[in-house]
Amino acid sequence: MAAKTDDEQDTWREFKDAVNMAPARLEKWLESDESKSVGASKGTSGGESVGHDSGRKIVSILRAKKADLTEADYAHMRKVVGYVHRHLAQRPSGDVRETPWRYSLMNWGHDPA
C-alpha cells in the first residue's frame, strides 16, 4: 500500500481529535432511543438520520486498519470533522447533558459532556 499523503495524515489527526468516543461506546449509543430520536432523515420516509448513518461509518473507520482506509473513508472523516466543529460552535447555554444538541453530536462520535 502506498504511503499516506500529508493531507490524509492531517485528516486522520483531525478526525481522531474530533471523535472522542471509542467504537464500542459509539456503537452502544447508536442502539439507544435517544440516538435514534435526533437528526434529519436521509429520506422522506422517516428512516435513519444522516448522523446515525455517519455514526455507523465512524465505527467502521475506527475499527479498520489505517492502511486499509479508502478515499471515501477520508472524505467521510473530513465531513465528520466539519460537522463536529460547526455543531460545537452552536453550543446552547445551560446544562446540555440531555439535549438534542448533545445527542446529535454523539451520533457523529463526539461527546461534549
PDB file of N, CA and C in Angstrom:
ATOM      1  N   MET A   1       0.845  -1.195   0.000  1.00  0.00           N
ATOM      2  CA  MET A   1       0.000   0.000   0.000  1.00  0.00           C
ATOM      3  C   MET A   1       0.878   1.242   0.000  1.00  0.00           C
ATOM      4  N   ALA A   2       0.505   2.232  -0.726  1.00  0.00           N
ATOM      5  CA  ALA A   2       1.282   3.468  -0.812  1.00  0.00           C
ATOM      6  C   ALA A   2       1.245   4.219   0.512  1.00  0.00           C
ATOM      7  N   ALA A   3       2.274   4.988   0.756  1.00  0.00           N
ATOM      8  CA  ALA A   3       2.330   5.797   1.970  1.00  0.00           C
ATOM      9  C   ALA A   3       1.203   6.832   1.932  1.00  0.00           C
ATOM     10  N   LYS A   4       0.702   7.153   3.087  1.00  0.00           N
ATOM     11  CA  LYS A   4      -0.376   8.139   3.173  1.00  0.00           C
ATOM     12  C   LYS A   4       0.179   9.533   2.912  1.00  0.00           C
ATOM     13  N   THR A   5      -0.621  10.354   2.264  1.00  0.00           N
ATOM     14  CA  THR A   5      -0.220  11.721   1.968  1.00  0.00           C
ATOM     15  C   THR A   5      -0.303  12.570   3.240  1.00  0.00           C
ATOM     16  N   ASP A   6       0.319  13.738   3.182  1.00  0.00           N
ATOM     17  CA  ASP A   6       0.226  14.663   4.315  1.00  0.00           C
ATOM     18  C   ASP A   6      -1.226  15.022   4.594  1.00  0.00           C
ATOM     19  N   ASP A   7      -2.021  15.201   3.515  1.00  0.00           N
ATOM     20  CA  ASP A   7      -3.439  15.527   3.685  1.00  0.00           C
ATOM     21  C   ASP A   7      -4.165  14.408   4.435  1.00  0.00           C
ATOM     22  N   GLU A   8      -3.891  13.172   4.076  1.00  0.00           N
ATOM     23  CA  GLU A   8      -4.527  12.047   4.764  1.00  0.00           C
ATOM     24  C   GLU A   8      -4.082  11.976   6.215  1.00  0.00           C
ATOM     25  N   GLN A   9      -2.811  12.241   6.468  1.00  0.00           N
ATOM     26  CA  GLN A   9      -2.322  12.227   7.850  1.00  0.00           C
ATOM     27  C   GLN A   9      -2.970  13.344   8.666  1.00  0.00           C
ATOM     28  N   ASP A  10      -3.116  14.529   8.063  1.00  0.00           N
ATOM     29  CA  ASP A  10      -3.790  15.640   8.741  1.00  0.00           C
ATOM     30  C   ASP A  10      -5.256  15.298   8.997  1.00  0.00           C
ATOM     31  N   THR A  11      -5.902  14.704   7.998  1.00  0.00           N
ATOM     32  CA  THR A  11      -7.306  14.311   8.151  1.00  0.00           C
ATOM     33  C   THR A  11      -7.456  13.313   9.288  1.00  0.00           C
ATOM     34  N   TRP A  12      -6.586  12.323   9.327  1.00  0.00           N
ATOM     35  CA  TRP A  12      -6.640  11.313  10.392  1.00  0.00           C
ATOM     36  C   TRP A  12      -6.486  11.969  11.769  1.00  0.00           C
ATOM     37  N   ARG A  13      -5.522  12.866  11.898  1.00  0.00           N
ATOM     38  CA  ARG A  13      -5.272  13.530  13.181  1.00  0.00           C
ATOM     39  C   ARG A  13      -6.494  14.368  13.592  1.00  0.00           C
ATOM     40  N   GLU A  14      -7.047  15.143  12.656  1.00  0.00           N
ATOM     41  CA  GLU A  14      -8.216  15.970  12.958  1.00  0.00           C
ATOM     42  C   GLU A  14      -9.424  15.111  13.310  1.00  0.00           C
ATOM     43  N   PHE A  15      -9.588  14.014  12.615  1.00  0.00           N
ATOM     44  CA  PHE A  15     -10.687  13.082  12.879  1.00  0.00           C
ATOM     45  C   PHE A  15     -10.557  12.505  14.285  1.00  0.00           C
ATOM     46  N   LYS A  16      -9.368  12.064  14.646  1.00  0.00           N
ATOM     47  CA  LYS A  16      -9.142  11.483  15.975  1.00  0.00           C
ATOM     48  C   LYS A  16      -9.333  12.524  17.071  1.00  0.00           C
ATOM     49  N   ASP A  17      -9.055  13.794  16.776  1.00  0.00           N
ATOM     50  CA  ASP A  17      -9.301  14.868  17.739  1.00  0.00           C
ATOM     51  C   ASP A  17     -10.800  15.120  17.896  1.00  0.00           C
ATOM     52  N   ALA A  18     -11.540  15.054  16.801  1.00  0.00           N
ATOM     53  CA  ALA A  18     -12.976  15.346  16.823  1.00  0.00           C
ATOM     54  C   ALA A  18     -13.793  14.192  17.395  1.00  0.00           C
ATOM     55  N   VAL A  19     -13.407  12.974  17.093  1.00  0.00           N
ATOM     56  CA  VAL A  19     -14.154  11.797  17.543  1.00  0.00           C
ATOM     57  C   VAL A  19     -13.546  11.333  18.863  1.00  0.00           C
ATOM     58  N   ASN A  20     -14.260  11.596  19.955  1.00  0.00           N
ATOM     59  CA  ASN A  20     -13.728  11.241  21.268  1.00  0.00           C
ATOM     60  C   ASN A  20     -14.455  10.061  21.918  1.00  0.00           C
ATOM     61  N   MET A  21     -15.268   9.367  21.143  1.00  0.00           N
ATOM     62  CA  MET A  21     -15.957   8.186  21.650  1.00  0.00           C
ATOM     63  C   MET A  21     -15.300   6.931  21.073  1.00  0.00           C
ATOM     64  N   ALA A  22     -15.065   5.956  21.932  1.00  0.00           N
ATOM     65  CA  ALA A  22     -14.493   4.679  21.489  1.00  0.00           C
ATOM     66  C   ALA A  22     -15.524   3.950  20.627  1.00  0.00           C
ATOM     67  N   PRO A  23     -15.079   3.099  19.712  1.00  0.00           N
ATOM     68  CA  PRO A  23     -16.023   2.405  18.821  1.00  0.00           C
ATOM     69  C   PRO A  23     -17.125   1.652  19.577  1.00  0.00           C
ATOM     70  N   ALA A  24     -16.787   0.935  20.630  1.00  0.00           N
ATOM     71  CA  ALA A  24     -17.802   0.168  21.370  1.00  0.00           C
ATOM     72  C   ALA A  24     -18.828   1.095  22.021  1.00  0.00           C
ATOM     73  N   ARG A  25     -18.352   2.213  22.561  1.00  0.00           N
ATOM     74  CA  ARG A  25     -19.273   3.162  23.199  1.00  0.00           C
ATOM     75  C   ARG A  25     -20.188   3.805  22.158  1.00  0.00           C
ATOM     76  N   LEU A  26     -19.624   4.182  21.018  1.00  0.00           N
ATOM     77  CA  LEU A  26     -20.428   4.780  19.953  1.00  0.00           C
ATOM     78  C   LEU A  26     -21.448   3.772  19.433  1.00  0.00           C
ATOM     79  N   GLU A  27     -21.034   2.553  19.242  1.00  0.00           N
ATOM     80  CA  GLU A  27     -21.947   1.519  18.754  1.00  0.00           C
ATOM     81  C   GLU A  27     -23.104   1.307  19.730  1.00  0.00           C
ATOM     82  N   LYS A  28     -22.802   1.265  21.031  1.00  0.00           N
ATOM     83  CA  LYS A  28     -23.854   1.112  22.044  1.00  0.00           C
ATOM     84  C   LYS A  28     -24.780   2.326  22.022  1.00  0.00           C
ATOM     85  N   TRP A  29     -24.203   3.533  21.896  1.00  0.00           N
ATOM     86  CA  TRP A  29     -25.000   4.752  21.830  1.00  0.00           C
ATOM     87  C   TRP A  29     -25.969   4.707  20.652  1.00  0.00           C
ATOM     88  N   LEU A  30     -25.495   4.255  19.497  1.00  0.00           N
ATOM     89  CA  LEU A  30     -26.323   4.228  18.293  1.00  0.00           C
ATOM     90  C   LEU A  30     -27.530   3.304  18.429  1.00  0.00           C
ATOM     91  N   GLU A  31     -27.486   2.378  19.379  1.00  0.00           N
ATOM     92  CA  GLU A  31     -28.624   1.487  19.631  1.00  0.00           C
ATOM     93  C   GLU A  31     -29.686   2.135  20.508  1.00  0.00           C
ATOM     94  N   SER A  32     -29.370   3.265  21.124  1.00  0.00           N
ATOM     95  CA  SER A  32     -30.289   3.894  22.083  1.00  0.00           C
ATOM     96  C   SER A  32     -31.420   4.650  21.388  1.00  0.00           C
ATOM     97  N   ASP A  33     -32.525   4.797  22.113  1.00  0.00           N
ATOM     98  CA  ASP A  33     -33.660   5.580  21.610  1.00  0.00           C
ATOM     99  C   ASP A  33     -33.275   7.044  21.423  1.00  0.00           C
ATOM    100  N   GLU A  34     -32.426   7.565  22.335  1.00  0.00           N
ATOM    101  CA  GLU A  34     -32.004   8.954  22.238  1.00  0.00           C
ATOM    102  C   GLU A  34     -31.245   9.202  20.936  1.00  0.00           C
ATOM    103  N   SER A  35     -30.378   8.269  20.584  1.00  0.00           N
ATOM    104  CA  SER A  35     -29.616   8.402  19.347  1.00  0.00           C
ATOM    105  C   SER A  35     -30.538   8.444  18.136  1.00  0.00           C
ATOM    106  N   LYS A  36     -31.534   7.599  18.145  1.00  0.00           N
ATOM    107  CA  LYS A  36     -32.447   7.499  17.004  1.00  0.00           C
ATOM    108  C   LYS A  36     -33.461   8.636  16.951  1.00  0.00           C
ATOM    109  N   SER A  37     -33.528   9.430  18.032  1.00  0.00           N
ATOM    110  CA  SER A  37     -34.550  10.476  18.115  1.00  0.00           C
ATOM    111  C   SER A  37     -34.128  11.802  17.502  1.00  0.00           C
ATOM    112  N   VAL A  38     -32.870  11.928  17.091  1.00  0.00           N
ATOM    113  CA  VAL A  38     -32.381  13.224  16.603  1.00  0.00           C
ATOM    114  C   VAL A  38     -31.852  13.128  15.181  1.00  0.00           C
ATOM    115  N   GLY A  39     -31.799  14.280  14.545  1.00  0.00           N
ATOM    116  CA  GLY A  39     -31.176  14.369  13.227  1.00  0.00           C
ATOM    117  C   GLY A  39     -32.176  14.376  12.096  1.00  0.00           C
ATOM    118  N   ALA A  40     -31.693  14.873  10.977  1.00  0.00           N
ATOM    119  CA  ALA A  40     -32.504  14.931   9.765  1.00  0.00           C
ATOM    120  C   ALA A  40     -32.483  13.575   9.078  1.00  0.00           C
ATOM    121  N   SER A  41     -33.636  13.121   8.642  1.00  0.00           N
ATOM    122  CA  SER A  41     -33.759  11.839   7.957  1.00  0.00           C
ATOM    123  C   SER A  41     -33.086  11.903   6.592  1.00  0.00           C
ATOM    124  N   LYS A  42     -32.462  10.792   6.207  1.00  0.00           N
ATOM    125  CA  LYS A  42     -31.814  10.716   4.886  1.00  0.00           C
ATOM    126  C   LYS A  42     -32.829  10.712   3.761  1.00  0.00           C
ATOM    127  N   GLY A  43     -34.005  10.204   4.037  1.00  0.00           N
ATOM    128  CA  GLY A  43     -35.031  10.124   3.001  1.00  0.00           C
ATOM    129  C   GLY A  43     -36.316  10.738   3.481  1.00  0.00           C
ATOM    130  N   THR A  44     -37.340  10.628   2.680  1.00  0.00           N
ATOM    131  CA  THR A  44     -38.627  11.216   3.043  1.00  0.00           C
ATOM    132  C   THR A  44     -39.478  10.256   3.851  1.00  0.00           C
ATOM    133  N   SER A  45     -39.027   9.018   4.022  1.00  0.00           N
ATOM    134  CA  SER A  45     -39.846   8.027   4.712  1.00  0.00           C
ATOM    135  C   SER A  45     -39.612   8.000   6.218  1.00  0.00           C
ATOM    136  N   GLY A  46     -38.842   8.959   6.747  1.00  0.00           N
ATOM    137  CA  GLY A  46     -38.601   8.987   8.180  1.00  0.00           C
ATOM    138  C   GLY A  46     -37.634   7.904   8.614  1.00  0.00           C
ATOM    139  N   GLY A  47     -36.751   7.476   7.743  1.00  0.00           N
ATOM    140  CA  GLY A  47     -35.794   6.426   8.043  1.00  0.00           C
ATOM    141  C   GLY A  47     -34.632   6.934   8.878  1.00  0.00           C
ATOM    142  N   GLU A  48     -33.508   6.262   8.748  1.00  0.00           N
ATOM    143  CA  GLU A  48     -32.315   6.577   9.522  1.00  0.00           C
ATOM    144  C   GLU A  48     -31.833   8.000   9.243  1.00  0.00           C
ATOM    145  N   SER A  49     -31.403   8.692  10.309  1.00  0.00           N
ATOM    146  CA  SER A  49     -30.904  10.052  10.143  1.00  0.00           C
ATOM    147  C   SER A  49     -29.503  10.043   9.551  1.00  0.00           C
ATOM    148  N   VAL A  50     -29.126  11.177   9.005  1.00  0.00           N
ATOM    149  CA  VAL A  50     -27.789  11.342   8.428  1.00  0.00           C
ATOM    150  C   VAL A  50     -26.724  11.099   9.501  1.00  0.00           C
ATOM    151  N   GLY A  51     -26.929  11.656  10.695  1.00  0.00           N
ATOM    152  CA  GLY A  51     -25.969  11.490  11.776  1.00  0.00           C
ATOM    153  C   GLY A  51     -25.855  10.058  12.244  1.00  0.00           C
ATOM    154  N   HIS A  52     -26.971   9.353  12.308  1.00  0.00           N
ATOM    155  CA  HIS A  52     -26.956   7.954  12.745  1.00  0.00           C
ATOM    156  C   HIS A  52     -26.179   7.104  11.741  1.00  0.00           C
ATOM    157  N   ASP A  53     -26.422   7.337  10.475  1.00  0.00           N
ATOM    158  CA  ASP A  53     -25.677   6.645   9.421  1.00  0.00           C
ATOM    159  C   ASP A  53     -24.186   6.977   9.528  1.00  0.00           C
ATOM    160  N   SER A  54     -23.882   8.234   9.779  1.00  0.00           N
ATOM    161  CA  SER A  54     -22.498   8.654   9.938  1.00  0.00           C
ATOM    162  C   SER A  54     -21.845   7.913  11.098  1.00  0.00           C
ATOM    163  N   GLY A  55     -22.566   7.776  12.195  1.00  0.00           N
ATOM    164  CA  GLY A  55     -22.023   7.072  13.358  1.00  0.00           C
ATOM    165  C   GLY A  55     -21.614   5.648  13.025  1.00  0.00           C
ATOM    166  N   ARG A  56     -22.432   4.970  12.227  1.00  0.00           N
ATOM    167  CA  ARG A  56     -22.087   3.596  11.833  1.00  0.00           C
ATOM    168  C   ARG A  56     -20.814   3.583  10.981  1.00  0.00           C
ATOM    169  N   LYS A  57     -20.677   4.575  10.099  1.00  0.00           N
ATOM    170  CA  LYS A  57     -19.466   4.678   9.277  1.00  0.00           C
ATOM    171  C   LYS A  57     -18.248   4.984  10.152  1.00  0.00           C
ATOM    172  N   ILE A  58     -18.427   5.826  11.154  1.00  0.00           N
ATOM    173  CA  ILE A  58     -17.326   6.168  12.058  1.00  0.00           C
ATOM    174  C   ILE A  58     -16.835   4.928  12.793  1.00  0.00           C
ATOM    175  N   VAL A  59     -17.755   4.110  13.284  1.00  0.00           N
ATOM    176  CA  VAL A  59     -17.367   2.864  13.960  1.00  0.00           C
ATOM    177  C   VAL A  59     -16.522   2.013  13.018  1.00  0.00           C
ATOM    178  N   SER A  60     -16.958   1.897  11.786  1.00  0.00           N
ATOM    179  CA  SER A  60     -16.221   1.107  10.804  1.00  0.00           C
ATOM    180  C   SER A  60     -14.821   1.672  10.561  1.00  0.00           C
ATOM    181  N   ILE A  61     -14.717   2.978  10.447  1.00  0.00           N
ATOM    182  CA  ILE A  61     -13.416   3.622  10.231  1.00  0.00           C
ATOM    183  C   ILE A  61     -12.499   3.395  11.426  1.00  0.00           C
ATOM    184  N   LEU A  62     -13.045   3.569  12.628  1.00  0.00           N
ATOM    185  CA  LEU A  62     -12.231   3.399  13.828  1.00  0.00           C
ATOM    186  C   LEU A  62     -11.727   1.969  13.995  1.00  0.00           C
ATOM    187  N   ARG A  63     -12.489   1.026  13.511  1.00  0.00           N
ATOM    188  CA  ARG A  63     -12.106  -0.389  13.655  1.00  0.00           C
ATOM    189  C   ARG A  63     -11.221  -0.881  12.503  1.00  0.00           C
ATOM    190  N   ALA A  64     -11.114  -0.102  11.450  1.00  0.00           N
ATOM    191  CA  ALA A  64     -10.317  -0.506  10.288  1.00  0.00           C
ATOM    192  C   ALA A  64      -8.830  -0.254  10.547  1.00  0.00           C
ATOM    193  N   LYS A  65      -8.019  -0.980   9.820  1.00  0.00           N
ATOM    194  CA  LYS A  65      -6.589  -0.687   9.831  1.00  0.00           C
ATOM    195  C   LYS A  65      -6.403   0.604   9.045  1.00  0.00           C
ATOM    196  N   LYS A  66      -5.572   1.477   9.552  1.00  0.00           N
ATOM    197  CA  LYS A  66      -5.353   2.765   8.901  1.00  0.00           C
ATOM    198  C   LYS A  66      -4.925   2.581   7.444  1.00  0.00           C
ATOM    199  N   ALA A  67      -4.111   1.573   7.186  1.00  0.00           N
ATOM    200  CA  ALA A  67      -3.625   1.326   5.824  1.00  0.00           C
ATOM    201  C   ALA A  67      -4.740   0.899   4.873  1.00  0.00           C
ATOM    202  N   ASP A  68      -5.859   0.432   5.412  1.00  0.00           N
ATOM    203  CA  ASP A  68      -6.963  -0.049   4.582  1.00  0.00           C
ATOM    204  C   ASP A  68      -8.019   1.017   4.304  1.00  0.00           C
ATOM    205  N   LEU A  69      -7.850   2.215   4.846  1.00  0.00           N
ATOM    206  CA  LEU A  69      -8.846   3.264   4.647  1.00  0.00           C
ATOM    207  C   LEU A  69      -8.845   3.731   3.197  1.00  0.00           C
ATOM    208  N   THR A  70     -10.036   3.991   2.690  1.00  0.00           N
ATOM    209  CA  THR A  70     -10.217   4.393   1.295  1.00  0.00           C
ATOM    210  C   THR A  70     -10.375   5.910   1.186  1.00  0.00           C
ATOM    211  N   GLU A  71     -10.389   6.383  -0.048  1.00  0.00           N
ATOM    212  CA  GLU A  71     -10.663   7.805  -0.285  1.00  0.00           C
ATOM    213  C   GLU A  71     -12.036   8.179   0.268  1.00  0.00           C
ATOM    214  N   ALA A  72     -13.005   7.285   0.130  1.00  0.00           N
ATOM    215  CA  ALA A  72     -14.348   7.548   0.666  1.00  0.00           C
ATOM    216  C   ALA A  72     -14.300   7.669   2.194  1.00  0.00           C
ATOM    217  N   ASP A  73     -13.477   6.853   2.834  1.00  0.00           N
ATOM    218  CA  ASP A  73     -13.326   6.950   4.291  1.00  0.00           C
ATOM    219  C   ASP A  73     -12.747   8.312   4.668  1.00  0.00           C
ATOM    220  N   TYR A  74     -11.700   8.733   3.953  1.00  0.00           N
ATOM    221  CA  TYR A  74     -11.097  10.042   4.248  1.00  0.00           C
ATOM    222  C   TYR A  74     -12.076  11.175   3.979  1.00  0.00           C
ATOM    223  N   ALA A  75     -12.888  11.063   2.941  1.00  0.00           N
ATOM    224  CA  ALA A  75     -13.907  12.079   2.659  1.00  0.00           C
ATOM    225  C   ALA A  75     -14.911  12.129   3.812  1.00  0.00           C
ATOM    226  N   HIS A  76     -15.301  10.971   4.318  1.00  0.00           N
ATOM    227  CA  HIS A  76     -16.249  10.959   5.440  1.00  0.00           C
ATOM    228  C   HIS A  76     -15.600  11.535   6.694  1.00  0.00           C
ATOM    229  N   MET A  77     -14.341  11.225   6.908  1.00  0.00           N
ATOM    230  CA  MET A  77     -13.641  11.758   8.070  1.00  0.00           C
ATOM    231  C   MET A  77     -13.611  13.285   8.022  1.00  0.00           C
ATOM    232  N   ARG A  78     -13.390  13.855   6.849  1.00  0.00           N
ATOM    233  CA  ARG A  78     -13.406  15.320   6.712  1.00  0.00           C
ATOM    234  C   ARG A  78     -14.810  15.871   6.993  1.00  0.00           C
ATOM    235  N   LYS A  79     -15.821  15.163   6.542  1.00  0.00           N
ATOM    236  CA  LYS A  79     -17.212  15.566   6.800  1.00  0.00           C
ATOM    237  C   LYS A  79     -17.495  15.565   8.305  1.00  0.00           C
ATOM    238  N   VAL A  80     -17.013  14.537   9.002  1.00  0.00           N
ATOM    239  CA  VAL A  80     -17.207  14.430  10.451  1.00  0.00           C
ATOM    240  C   VAL A  80     -16.537  15.603  11.156  1.00  0.00           C
ATOM    241  N   VAL A  81     -15.298  15.896  10.795  1.00  0.00           N
ATOM    242  CA  VAL A  81     -14.559  16.996  11.417  1.00  0.00           C
ATOM    243  C   VAL A  81     -15.313  18.311  11.225  1.00  0.00           C
ATOM    244  N   GLY A  82     -15.780  18.564  10.023  1.00  0.00           N
ATOM    245  CA  GLY A  82     -16.526  19.786   9.749  1.00  0.00           C
ATOM    246  C   GLY A  82     -17.805  19.871  10.559  1.00  0.00           C
ATOM    247  N   TYR A  83     -18.540  18.763  10.614  1.00  0.00           N
ATOM    248  CA  TYR A  83     -19.795  18.757  11.367  1.00  0.00           C
ATOM    249  C   TYR A  83     -19.539  19.024  12.844  1.00  0.00           C
ATOM    250  N   VAL A  84     -18.584  18.307  13.432  1.00  0.00           N
ATOM    251  CA  VAL A  84     -18.307  18.465  14.859  1.00  0.00           C
ATOM    252  C   VAL A  84     -17.912  19.907  15.158  1.00  0.00           C
ATOM    253  N   HIS A  85     -17.036  20.496  14.363  1.00  0.00           N
ATOM    254  CA  HIS A  85     -16.615  21.872  14.612  1.00  0.00           C
ATOM    255  C   HIS A  85     -17.783  22.854  14.490  1.00  0.00           C
ATOM    256  N   ARG A  86     -18.606  22.694  13.462  1.00  0.00           N
ATOM    257  CA  ARG A  86     -19.761  23.595  13.290  1.00  0.00           C
ATOM    258  C   ARG A  86     -20.747  23.435  14.439  1.00  0.00           C
ATOM    259  N   HIS A  87     -21.015  22.207  14.819  1.00  0.00           N
ATOM    260  CA  HIS A  87     -22.008  21.949  15.862  1.00  0.00           C
ATOM    261  C   HIS A  87     -21.520  22.440  17.226  1.00  0.00           C
ATOM    262  N   LEU A  88     -20.243  22.264  17.523  1.00  0.00           N
ATOM    263  CA  LEU A  88     -19.700  22.755  18.794  1.00  0.00           C
ATOM    264  C   LEU A  88     -19.830  24.269  18.899  1.00  0.00           C
ATOM    265  N   ALA A  89     -19.712  24.964  17.776  1.00  0.00           N
ATOM    266  CA  ALA A  89     -19.844  26.421  17.768  1.00  0.00           C
ATOM    267  C   ALA A  89     -21.268  26.867  18.086  1.00  0.00           C
ATOM    268  N   GLN A  90     -22.233  25.968  18.010  1.00  0.00           N
ATOM    269  CA  GLN A  90     -23.639  26.290  18.265  1.00  0.00           C
ATOM    270  C   GLN A  90     -24.097  25.806  19.645  1.00  0.00           C
ATOM    271  N   ARG A  91     -23.159  25.565  20.543  1.00  0.00           N
ATOM    272  CA  ARG A  91     -23.484  25.033  21.874  1.00  0.00           C
ATOM    273  C   ARG A  91     -24.514  25.919  22.569  1.00  0.00           C
ATOM    274  N   PRO A  92     -25.610  25.323  23.026  1.00  0.00           N
ATOM    275  CA  PRO A  92     -26.609  26.099  23.756  1.00  0.00           C
ATOM    276  C   PRO A  92     -26.114  26.394  25.172  1.00  0.00           C
ATOM    277  N   SER A  93     -26.721  27.364  25.799  1.00  0.00           N
ATOM    278  CA  SER A  93     -26.353  27.685  27.178  1.00  0.00           C
ATOM    279  C   SER A  93     -26.989  26.670  28.123  1.00  0.00           C
ATOM    280  N   GLY A  94     -26.441  26.588  29.297  1.00  0.00           N
ATOM    281  CA  GLY A  94     -27.000  25.719  30.325  1.00  0.00           C
ATOM    282  C   GLY A  94     -26.488  24.293  30.229  1.00  0.00           C
ATOM    283  N   ASP A  95     -27.180  23.437  30.938  1.00  0.00           N
ATOM    284  CA  ASP A  95     -26.828  22.026  31.014  1.00  0.00           C
ATOM    285  C   ASP A  95     -27.222  21.344  29.709  1.00  0.00           C
ATOM    286  N   VAL A  96     -26.254  20.748  29.031  1.00  0.00           N
ATOM    287  CA  VAL A  96     -26.510  20.150  27.720  1.00  0.00           C
ATOM    288  C   VAL A  96     -26.580  18.622  27.765  1.00  0.00           C
ATOM    289  N   ARG A  97     -26.485  18.033  28.968  1.00  0.00           N
ATOM    290  CA  ARG A  97     -26.375  16.572  29.064  1.00  0.00           C
ATOM    291  C   ARG A  97     -27.514  15.809  28.403  1.00  0.00           C
ATOM    292  N   GLU A  98     -28.722  16.289  28.499  1.00  0.00           N
ATOM    293  CA  GLU A  98     -29.868  15.571  27.930  1.00  0.00           C
ATOM    294  C   GLU A  98     -30.573  16.444  26.884  1.00  0.00           C
ATOM    295  N   THR A  99     -29.805  16.859  25.893  1.00  0.00           N
ATOM    296  CA  THR A  99     -30.356  17.736  24.854  1.00  0.00           C
ATOM    297  C   THR A  99     -30.171  17.116  23.474  1.00  0.00           C
ATOM    298  N   PRO A 100     -31.048  17.461  22.552  1.00  0.00           N
ATOM    299  CA  PRO A 100     -30.858  17.010  21.170  1.00  0.00           C
ATOM    300  C   PRO A 100     -29.501  17.454  20.607  1.00  0.00           C
ATOM    301  N   TRP A 101     -29.009  18.628  21.035  1.00  0.00           N
ATOM    302  CA  TRP A 101     -27.710  19.121  20.567  1.00  0.00           C
ATOM    303  C   TRP A 101     -26.606  18.108  20.894  1.00  0.00           C
ATOM    304  N   ARG A 102     -26.574  17.656  22.145  1.00  0.00           N
ATOM    305  CA  ARG A 102     -25.557  16.675  22.545  1.00  0.00           C
ATOM    306  C   ARG A 102     -25.785  15.340  21.846  1.00  0.00           C
ATOM    307  N   TYR A 103     -27.028  14.900  21.793  1.00  0.00           N
ATOM    308  CA  TYR A 103     -27.322  13.605  21.168  1.00  0.00           C
ATOM    309  C   TYR A 103     -26.889  13.586  19.706  1.00  0.00           C
ATOM    310  N   SER A 104     -27.115  14.701  19.023  1.00  0.00           N
ATOM    311  CA  SER A 104     -26.711  14.780  17.624  1.00  0.00           C
ATOM    312  C   SER A 104     -25.194  14.680  17.492  1.00  0.00           C
ATOM    313  N   LEU A 105     -24.470  15.409  18.331  1.00  0.00           N
ATOM    314  CA  LEU A 105     -23.008  15.330  18.311  1.00  0.00           C
ATOM    315  C   LEU A 105     -22.526  13.907  18.597  1.00  0.00           C
ATOM    316  N   MET A 106     -23.181  13.258  19.530  1.00  0.00           N
ATOM    317  CA  MET A 106     -22.769  11.895  19.873  1.00  0.00           C
ATOM    318  C   MET A 106     -22.977  10.942  18.696  1.00  0.00           C
ATOM    319  N   ASN A 107     -24.001  11.166  17.899  1.00  0.00           N
ATOM    320  CA  ASN A 107     -24.189  10.344  16.690  1.00  0.00           C
ATOM    321  C   ASN A 107     -23.000  10.479  15.752  1.00  0.00           C
ATOM    322  N   TRP A 108     -22.322  11.617  15.824  1.00  0.00           N
ATOM    323  CA  TRP A 108     -21.156  11.876  14.979  1.00  0.00           C
ATOM    324  C   TRP A 108     -19.850  11.549  15.723  1.00  0.00           C
ATOM    325  N   GLY A 109     -19.964  10.867  16.860  1.00  0.00           N
ATOM    326  CA  GLY A 109     -18.785  10.362  17.560  1.00  0.00           C
ATOM    327  C   GLY A 109     -18.157  11.295  18.562  1.00  0.00           C
ATOM    328  N   HIS A 110     -18.802  12.414  18.855  1.00  0.00           N
ATOM    329  CA  HIS A 110     -18.238  13.372  19.797  1.00  0.00           C
ATOM    330  C   HIS A 110     -19.183  13.591  20.976  1.00  0.00           C
ATOM    331  N   ASP A 111     -18.695  13.311  22.177  1.00  0.00           N
ATOM    332  CA  ASP A 111     -19.478  13.568  23.376  1.00  0.00           C
ATOM    333  C   ASP A 111     -18.906  14.801  24.059  1.00  0.00           C
ATOM    334  N   PRO A 112     -19.643  15.927  24.045  1.00  0.00           N
ATOM    335  CA  PRO A 112     -19.127  17.157  24.630  1.00  0.00           C
ATOM    336  C   PRO A 112     -19.223  17.204  26.159  1.00  0.00           C
ATOM    337  N   ALA A 113     -19.914  16.259  26.752  1.00  0.00           N
ATOM    338  CA  ALA A 113     -20.116  16.276  28.213  1.00  0.00           C
ATOM    339  C   ALA A 113     -18.914  15.723  28.956  1.00  0.00           C
TER     340      ALA A 113
END
